[in-house]
Amino acid sequence: MGEKQAEHVEPEQETSAPLALSPAASKESSPQALAPASAASKESSPEEKPPKHDSSEKALVPIEKPVFIAEKRAEHREDEKNKVDPKDRDAALARVELEKRLALIKAWEESEKAKADNKAYKKLSSIGAWENTKKASVEVELKLIEEEFEKKKAKAAERMKNKMAEIHRKSEEKRAMVEAKRGEDILKVEETAAKFRSTGNVPKKLFACFGS
């Protein structure tokens, strides 16, 4: 039994022995063994075509990374925004409150100015109406005075004309009286001269005038 086992083992060692190669044998055999493989690869390389990659896959591969980075950056920015200093927050709230107050003050100012403008406009309108009414009444009064004055002027002119006519009449009467008196005096002188001529006497007044 032991011999049979030894015999059985020896063929296994003999069969396994050719598989183990020494380093020298491997060096010698490797070029020979690789030569047909390289030749086969060279022969098969012209027939083989390089694999074609889809352009959509190339375009999709670099897009995923920037989107992920952008999301990370947005999250980082949100974190930074959330991490606000309490002092800055108080200053921002104070600024908002100040702006609100200024807006309310501005609205109040504009409202008060509008009220003042409307009030002044109403007063100016009433003053203009009062002025127009007074001017119209004064013009009416002036027309009445002018009409009255014209009437009085006409009456006064008529009176003056009558007075002038009366003066002219009286002056004519006085002239007539003077002319009549002169006629009477001349007549008397002529009669006296005729008497002196008839008597031959000389008037004494004449000598008295010459003597003086």
C-alpha atoms as a PDB file:
ATOM      1  CA  MET A   1       0.000   0.000   0.000  1.00  0.00           C
ATOM      2  CA  GLY A   2       2.812   2.342   0.806  1.00  0.00           C
ATOM      3  CA  GLU A   3       4.572   1.630  -2.403  1.00  0.00           C
ATOM      4  CA  LYS A   4       1.431   2.144  -4.409  1.00  0.00           C
ATOM      5  CA  GLN A   5       0.897   5.477  -2.711  1.00  0.00           C
ATOM      6  CA  ALA A   6       4.472   6.430  -3.462  1.00  0.00           C
ATOM      7  CA  GLU A   7       4.018   5.437  -7.046  1.00  0.00           C
ATOM      8  CA  HIS A   8       0.836   7.353  -7.205  1.00  0.00           C
ATOM      9  CA  VAL A   9       2.457  10.410  -5.714  1.00  0.00           C
ATOM     10  CA  GLU A  10       5.440  10.379  -7.991  1.00  0.00           C
ATOM     11  CA  PRO A  11       3.432  10.783 -11.193  1.00  0.00           C
ATOM     12  CA  GLU A  12       1.738  13.780  -9.570  1.00  0.00           C
ATOM     13  CA  GLN A  13       5.116  15.290  -8.832  1.00  0.00           C
ATOM     14  CA  GLU A  14       6.253  14.475 -12.371  1.00  0.00           C
ATOM     15  CA  THR A  15       3.188  16.088 -13.839  1.00  0.00           C
ATOM     16  CA  SER A  16       3.532  19.073 -11.618  1.00  0.00           C
ATOM     17  CA  ALA A  17       7.240  19.444 -12.167  1.00  0.00           C
ATOM     18  CA  PRO A  18       7.098  20.670 -15.766  1.00  0.00           C
ATOM     19  CA  LEU A  19       4.769  23.520 -14.643  1.00  0.00           C
ATOM     20  CA  ALA A  20       7.387  25.043 -12.370  1.00  0.00           C
ATOM     21  CA  LEU A  21       9.977  26.962 -14.356  1.00  0.00           C
ATOM     22  CA  SER A  22      13.211  28.358 -13.245  1.00  0.00           C
ATOM     23  CA  PRO A  23      13.916  32.098 -13.512  1.00  0.00           C
ATOM     24  CA  ALA A  24      16.274  31.495 -16.401  1.00  0.00           C
ATOM     25  CA  ALA A  25      13.767  29.367 -18.204  1.00  0.00           C
ATOM     26  CA  SER A  26      11.084  31.966 -17.583  1.00  0.00           C
ATOM     27  CA  LYS A  27      13.318  34.669 -18.969  1.00  0.00           C
ATOM     28  CA  GLU A  28      14.063  32.620 -22.039  1.00  0.00           C
ATOM     29  CA  SER A  29      10.554  31.493 -22.536  1.00  0.00           C
ATOM     30  CA  SER A  30       8.881  34.852 -21.884  1.00  0.00           C
ATOM     31  CA  PRO A  31       9.954  36.569 -25.115  1.00  0.00           C
ATOM     32  CA  GLN A  32       8.948  33.527 -27.064  1.00  0.00           C
ATOM     33  CA  ALA A  33       5.641  33.265 -25.305  1.00  0.00           C
ATOM     34  CA  LEU A  34       4.936  36.989 -25.526  1.00  0.00           C
ATOM     35  CA  ALA A  35       5.960  37.295 -29.136  1.00  0.00           C
ATOM     36  CA  PRO A  36       2.953  35.485 -30.547  1.00  0.00           C
ATOM     37  CA  ALA A  37       0.646  37.423 -28.206  1.00  0.00           C
ATOM     38  CA  SER A  38       2.119  40.784 -29.237  1.00  0.00           C
ATOM     39  CA  ALA A  39       1.952  39.760 -32.854  1.00  0.00           C
ATOM     40  CA  ALA A  40      -1.631  38.764 -32.413  1.00  0.00           C
ATOM     41  CA  SER A  41      -2.370  42.055 -30.708  1.00  0.00           C
ATOM     42  CA  LYS A  42      -0.652  43.945 -33.506  1.00  0.00           C
ATOM     43  CA  GLU A  43      -2.589  42.048 -36.086  1.00  0.00           C
ATOM     44  CA  SER A  44      -5.834  42.614 -34.266  1.00  0.00           C
ATOM     45  CA  SER A  45      -5.209  46.349 -33.512  1.00  0.00           C
ATOM     46  CA  PRO A  46      -5.891  47.646 -37.030  1.00  0.00           C
ATOM     47  CA  GLU A  47      -9.162  45.822 -37.101  1.00  0.00           C
ATOM     48  CA  GLU A  48     -10.234  47.088 -33.680  1.00  0.00           C
ATOM     49  CA  LYS A  49     -11.739  50.577 -33.530  1.00  0.00           C
ATOM     50  CA  PRO A  50     -11.297  52.946 -30.581  1.00  0.00           C
ATOM     51  CA  PRO A  51     -14.394  53.087 -28.416  1.00  0.00           C
ATOM     52  CA  LYS A  52     -16.586  56.063 -29.079  1.00  0.00           C
ATOM     53  CA  HIS A  53     -17.849  57.982 -26.112  1.00  0.00           C
ATOM     54  CA  ASP A  54     -21.169  59.740 -26.223  1.00  0.00           C
ATOM     55  CA  SER A  55     -20.876  63.536 -26.148  1.00  0.00           C
ATOM     56  CA  SER A  56     -23.895  63.762 -23.848  1.00  0.00           C
ATOM     57  CA  GLU A  57     -22.096  61.642 -21.258  1.00  0.00           C
ATOM     58  CA  LYS A  58     -19.034  63.914 -21.475  1.00  0.00           C
ATOM     59  CA  ALA A  59     -21.275  66.978 -21.075  1.00  0.00           C
ATOM     60  CA  LEU A  60     -23.141  65.542 -18.121  1.00  0.00           C
ATOM     61  CA  VAL A  61     -20.097  64.421 -16.190  1.00  0.00           C
ATOM     62  CA  PRO A  62     -18.567  67.930 -15.613  1.00  0.00           C
ATOM     63  CA  ILE A  63     -21.993  69.566 -14.885  1.00  0.00           C
ATOM     64  CA  GLU A  64     -22.710  67.538 -11.767  1.00  0.00           C
ATOM     65  CA  LYS A  65     -19.656  68.825  -9.937  1.00  0.00           C
ATOM     66  CA  PRO A  66     -20.254  72.634 -10.409  1.00  0.00           C
ATOM     67  CA  VAL A  67     -23.912  72.254  -9.407  1.00  0.00           C
ATOM     68  CA  PHE A  68     -22.857  70.472  -6.260  1.00  0.00           C
ATOM     69  CA  ILE A  69     -20.254  73.175  -5.569  1.00  0.00           C
ATOM     70  CA  ALA A  70     -22.809  75.949  -6.200  1.00  0.00           C
ATOM     71  CA  GLU A  71     -25.224  74.303  -3.775  1.00  0.00           C
ATOM     72  CA  LYS A  72     -22.485  74.058  -1.197  1.00  0.00           C
ATOM     73  CA  ARG A  73     -21.594  77.709  -1.728  1.00  0.00           C
ATOM     74  CA  ALA A  74     -25.253  78.758  -1.428  1.00  0.00           C
ATOM     75  CA  GLU A  75     -25.569  76.771   1.793  1.00  0.00           C
ATOM     76  CA  HIS A  76     -22.377  78.387   3.035  1.00  0.00           C
ATOM     77  CA  ARG A  77     -23.711  81.862   2.175  1.00  0.00           C
ATOM     78  CA  GLU A  78     -26.999  81.110   3.934  1.00  0.00           C
ATOM     79  CA  ASP A  79     -25.039  79.949   6.960  1.00  0.00           C
ATOM     80  CA  GLU A  80     -23.000  83.160   6.877  1.00  0.00           C
ATOM     81  CA  LYS A  81     -26.175  85.225   6.551  1.00  0.00           C
ATOM     82  CA  ASN A  82     -27.733  83.374   9.454  1.00  0.00           C
ATOM     83  CA  LYS A  83     -24.621  83.969  11.481  1.00  0.00           C
ATOM     84  CA  VAL A  84     -25.295  87.715  11.880  1.00  0.00           C
ATOM     85  CA  ASP A  85     -23.632  89.668  14.608  1.00  0.00           C
ATOM     86  CA  PRO A  86     -26.181  90.892  17.199  1.00  0.00           C
ATOM     87  CA  LYS A  87     -24.719  94.395  16.936  1.00  0.00           C
ATOM     88  CA  ASP A  88     -25.232  94.405  13.170  1.00  0.00           C
ATOM     89  CA  ARG A  89     -28.768  93.118  13.670  1.00  0.00           C
ATOM     90  CA  ASP A  90     -29.532  95.882  16.164  1.00  0.00           C
ATOM     91  CA  ALA A  91     -28.021  98.459  13.821  1.00  0.00           C
ATOM     92  CA  ALA A  92     -30.116  97.134  10.934  1.00  0.00           C
ATOM     93  CA  LEU A  93     -33.270  97.227  13.058  1.00  0.00           C
ATOM     94  CA  ALA A  94     -32.440 100.757  14.181  1.00  0.00           C
ATOM     95  CA  ARG A  95     -31.855 101.763  10.552  1.00  0.00           C
ATOM     96  CA  VAL A  96     -35.197 100.266   9.506  1.00  0.00           C
ATOM     97  CA  GLU A  97     -36.937 102.030  12.379  1.00  0.00           C
ATOM     98  CA  LEU A  98     -35.271 105.322  11.446  1.00  0.00           C
ATOM     99  CA  GLU A  99     -36.286 104.943   7.806  1.00  0.00           C
ATOM    100  CA  LYS A 100     -39.851 104.180   8.908  1.00  0.00           C
ATOM    101  CA  ARG A 101     -39.907 107.288  11.091  1.00  0.00           C
ATOM    102  CA  LEU A 102     -38.485 109.425   8.305  1.00  0.00           C
ATOM    103  CA  ALA A 103     -41.105 108.060   5.894  1.00  0.00           C
ATOM    104  CA  LEU A 104     -43.894 108.855   8.369  1.00  0.00           C
ATOM    105  CA  ILE A 105     -42.493 112.352   8.936  1.00  0.00           C
ATOM    106  CA  LYS A 106     -42.236 112.904   5.174  1.00  0.00           C
ATOM    107  CA  ALA A 107     -45.840 111.751   4.649  1.00  0.00           C
ATOM    108  CA  TRP A 108     -47.045 113.997   7.485  1.00  0.00           C
ATOM    109  CA  GLU A 109     -45.095 116.949   6.043  1.00  0.00           C
ATOM    110  CA  GLU A 110     -46.556 116.471   2.576  1.00  0.00           C
ATOM    111  CA  SER A 111     -50.069 116.107   4.027  1.00  0.00           C
ATOM    112  CA  GLU A 112     -49.720 119.288   6.107  1.00  0.00           C
ATOM    113  CA  LYS A 113     -48.309 121.183   3.131  1.00  0.00           C
ATOM    114  CA  ALA A 114     -51.239 120.025   1.005  1.00  0.00           C
ATOM    115  CA  LYS A 115     -53.660 121.168   3.720  1.00  0.00           C
ATOM    116  CA  ALA A 116     -51.926 124.556   3.945  1.00  0.00           C
ATOM    117  CA  ASP A 117     -52.028 124.930   0.153  1.00  0.00           C
ATOM    118  CA  ASN A 118     -55.729 124.087   0.030  1.00  0.00           C
ATOM    119  CA  LYS A 119     -56.498 126.477   2.889  1.00  0.00           C
ATOM    120  CA  ALA A 120     -54.549 129.304   1.265  1.00  0.00           C
ATOM    121  CA  TYR A 121     -56.178 128.565  -2.108  1.00  0.00           C
ATOM    122  CA  LYS A 122     -59.656 128.799  -0.548  1.00  0.00           C
ATOM    123  CA  LYS A 123     -58.778 132.081   1.162  1.00  0.00           C
ATOM    124  CA  LEU A 124     -57.273 133.509  -2.018  1.00  0.00           C
ATOM    125  CA  SER A 125     -60.369 132.455  -3.953  1.00  0.00           C
ATOM    126  CA  SER A 126     -62.654 134.146  -1.416  1.00  0.00           C
ATOM    127  CA  ILE A 127     -60.472 137.294  -1.503  1.00  0.00           C
ATOM    128  CA  GLY A 128     -60.638 137.338  -5.288  1.00  0.00           C
ATOM    129  CA  ALA A 129     -64.413 136.952  -5.230  1.00  0.00           C
ATOM    130  CA  TRP A 130     -64.715 139.718  -2.611  1.00  0.00           C
ATOM    131  CA  GLU A 131     -62.461 141.988  -4.703  1.00  0.00           C
ATOM    132  CA  ASN A 132     -64.481 141.397  -7.849  1.00  0.00           C
ATOM    133  CA  THR A 133     -67.750 142.075  -6.000  1.00  0.00           C
ATOM    134  CA  LYS A 134     -66.441 145.303  -4.477  1.00  0.00           C
ATOM    135  CA  LYS A 135     -65.022 146.497  -7.787  1.00  0.00           C
ATOM    136  CA  ALA A 136     -68.331 145.802  -9.504  1.00  0.00           C
ATOM    137  CA  SER A 137     -70.250 147.723  -6.830  1.00  0.00           C
ATOM    138  CA  VAL A 138     -67.807 150.652  -7.030  1.00  0.00           C
ATOM    139  CA  GLU A 139     -68.100 150.732 -10.808  1.00  0.00           C
ATOM    140  CA  VAL A 140     -71.876 150.788 -10.528  1.00  0.00           C
ATOM    141  CA  GLU A 141     -71.660 153.609  -7.989  1.00  0.00           C
ATOM    142  CA  LEU A 142     -69.250 155.503 -10.200  1.00  0.00           C
ATOM    143  CA  LYS A 143     -71.606 155.181 -13.128  1.00  0.00           C
ATOM    144  CA  LEU A 144     -74.456 156.469 -11.001  1.00  0.00           C
ATOM    145  CA  ILE A 145     -72.307 159.407  -9.867  1.00  0.00           C
ATOM    146  CA  GLU A 146     -71.322 160.128 -13.449  1.00  0.00           C
ATOM    147  CA  GLU A 147     -74.943 160.012 -14.512  1.00  0.00           C
ATOM    148  CA  GLU A 148     -75.931 162.281 -11.636  1.00  0.00           C
ATOM    149  CA  PHE A 149     -73.041 164.545 -12.418  1.00  0.00           C
ATOM    150  CA  GLU A 150     -74.077 164.706 -16.034  1.00  0.00           C
ATOM    151  CA  LYS A 151     -77.583 165.610 -14.976  1.00  0.00           C
ATOM    152  CA  LYS A 152     -76.295 168.240 -12.570  1.00  0.00           C
ATOM    153  CA  LYS A 153     -73.899 169.479 -15.187  1.00  0.00           C
ATOM    154  CA  ALA A 154     -76.702 169.836 -17.694  1.00  0.00           C
ATOM    155  CA  LYS A 155     -78.837 171.678 -15.150  1.00  0.00           C
ATOM    156  CA  ALA A 156     -75.923 173.900 -14.156  1.00  0.00           C
ATOM    157  CA  ALA A 157     -75.152 174.616 -17.790  1.00  0.00           C
ATOM    158  CA  GLU A 158     -78.769 175.532 -18.355  1.00  0.00           C
ATOM    159  CA  ARG A 159     -78.721 177.833 -15.362  1.00  0.00           C
ATOM    160  CA  MET A 160     -75.517 179.446 -16.558  1.00  0.00           C
ATOM    161  CA  LYS A 161     -76.987 179.979 -19.982  1.00  0.00           C
ATOM    162  CA  ASN A 162     -80.055 181.582 -18.449  1.00  0.00           C
ATOM    163  CA  LYS A 163     -77.891 183.824 -16.298  1.00  0.00           C
ATOM    164  CA  MET A 164     -75.834 184.893 -19.268  1.00  0.00           C
ATOM    165  CA  ALA A 165     -78.983 185.637 -21.181  1.00  0.00           C
ATOM    166  CA  GLU A 166     -80.274 187.686 -18.279  1.00  0.00           C
ATOM    167  CA  ILE A 167     -77.002 189.607 -18.049  1.00  0.00           C
ATOM    168  CA  HIS A 168     -77.056 190.273 -21.750  1.00  0.00           C
ATOM    169  CA  ARG A 169     -80.641 191.448 -21.534  1.00  0.00           C
ATOM    170  CA  LYS A 170     -79.909 193.781 -18.655  1.00  0.00           C
ATOM    171  CA  SER A 171     -76.840 195.171 -20.363  1.00  0.00           C
ATOM    172  CA  GLU A 172     -78.849 195.808 -23.479  1.00  0.00           C
ATOM    173  CA  GLU A 173     -81.470 197.617 -21.418  1.00  0.00           C
ATOM    174  CA  LYS A 174     -78.788 199.747 -19.792  1.00  0.00           C
ATOM    175  CA  ARG A 175     -77.287 200.523 -23.167  1.00  0.00           C
ATOM    176  CA  ALA A 176     -80.697 201.495 -24.445  1.00  0.00           C
ATOM    177  CA  MET A 177     -81.227 203.760 -21.473  1.00  0.00           C
ATOM    178  CA  VAL A 178     -77.847 205.384 -22.003  1.00  0.00           C
ATOM    179  CA  GLU A 179     -78.544 205.885 -25.667  1.00  0.00           C
ATOM    180  CA  ALA A 180     -81.953 207.337 -24.858  1.00  0.00           C
ATOM    181  CA  LYS A 181     -80.425 209.669 -22.301  1.00  0.00           C
ATOM    182  CA  ARG A 182     -77.783 210.744 -24.778  1.00  0.00           C
ATOM    183  CA  GLY A 183     -80.486 211.465 -27.332  1.00  0.00           C
ATOM    184  CA  GLU A 184     -82.416 213.540 -24.870  1.00  0.00           C
ATOM    185  CA  ASP A 185     -79.315 215.515 -23.864  1.00  0.00           C
ATOM    186  CA  ILE A 186     -78.400 216.182 -27.466  1.00  0.00           C
ATOM    187  CA  LEU A 187     -81.924 217.329 -28.170  1.00  0.00           C
ATOM    188  CA  LYS A 188     -81.825 219.744 -25.248  1.00  0.00           C
ATOM    189  CA  VAL A 189     -78.498 221.140 -26.390  1.00  0.00           C
ATOM    190  CA  GLU A 190     -79.811 221.686 -29.855  1.00  0.00           C
ATOM    191  CA  GLU A 191     -82.909 223.491 -28.551  1.00  0.00           C
ATOM    192  CA  THR A 192     -80.771 225.700 -26.268  1.00  0.00           C
ATOM    193  CA  ALA A 193     -78.405 226.500 -29.109  1.00  0.00           C
ATOM    194  CA  ALA A 194     -81.352 227.450 -31.275  1.00  0.00           C
ATOM    195  CA  LYS A 195     -82.571 229.840 -28.549  1.00  0.00           C
ATOM    196  CA  PHE A 196     -79.125 231.384 -28.258  1.00  0.00           C
ATOM    197  CA  ARG A 197     -79.003 231.866 -31.950  1.00  0.00           C
ATOM    198  CA  SER A 198     -82.425 233.486 -31.989  1.00  0.00           C
ATOM    199  CA  THR A 199     -81.619 235.854 -29.115  1.00  0.00           C
ATOM    200  CA  GLY A 200     -77.982 236.401 -29.915  1.00  0.00           C
ATOM    201  CA  ASN A 201     -76.958 235.654 -26.400  1.00  0.00           C
ATOM    202  CA  VAL A 202     -73.890 233.560 -25.580  1.00  0.00           C
ATOM    203  CA  PRO A 203     -74.035 230.741 -23.101  1.00  0.00           C
ATOM    204  CA  LYS A 204     -72.337 231.667 -19.814  1.00  0.00           C
ATOM    205  CA  LYS A 205     -71.026 228.241 -19.110  1.00  0.00           C
ATOM    206  CA  LEU A 206     -68.959 228.379 -22.231  1.00  0.00           C
ATOM    207  CA  PHE A 207     -67.136 231.562 -21.099  1.00  0.00           C
ATOM    208  CA  ALA A 208     -66.757 230.114 -17.654  1.00  0.00           C
ATOM    209  CA  CYS A 209     -65.050 227.088 -19.226  1.00  0.00           C
ATOM    210  CA  PHE A 210     -62.773 229.286 -21.335  1.00  0.00           C
ATOM    211  CA  GLY A 211     -62.101 231.613 -18.385  1.00  0.00           C
ATOM    212  CA  SER A 212     -61.085 228.784 -16.194  1.00  0.00           C
END
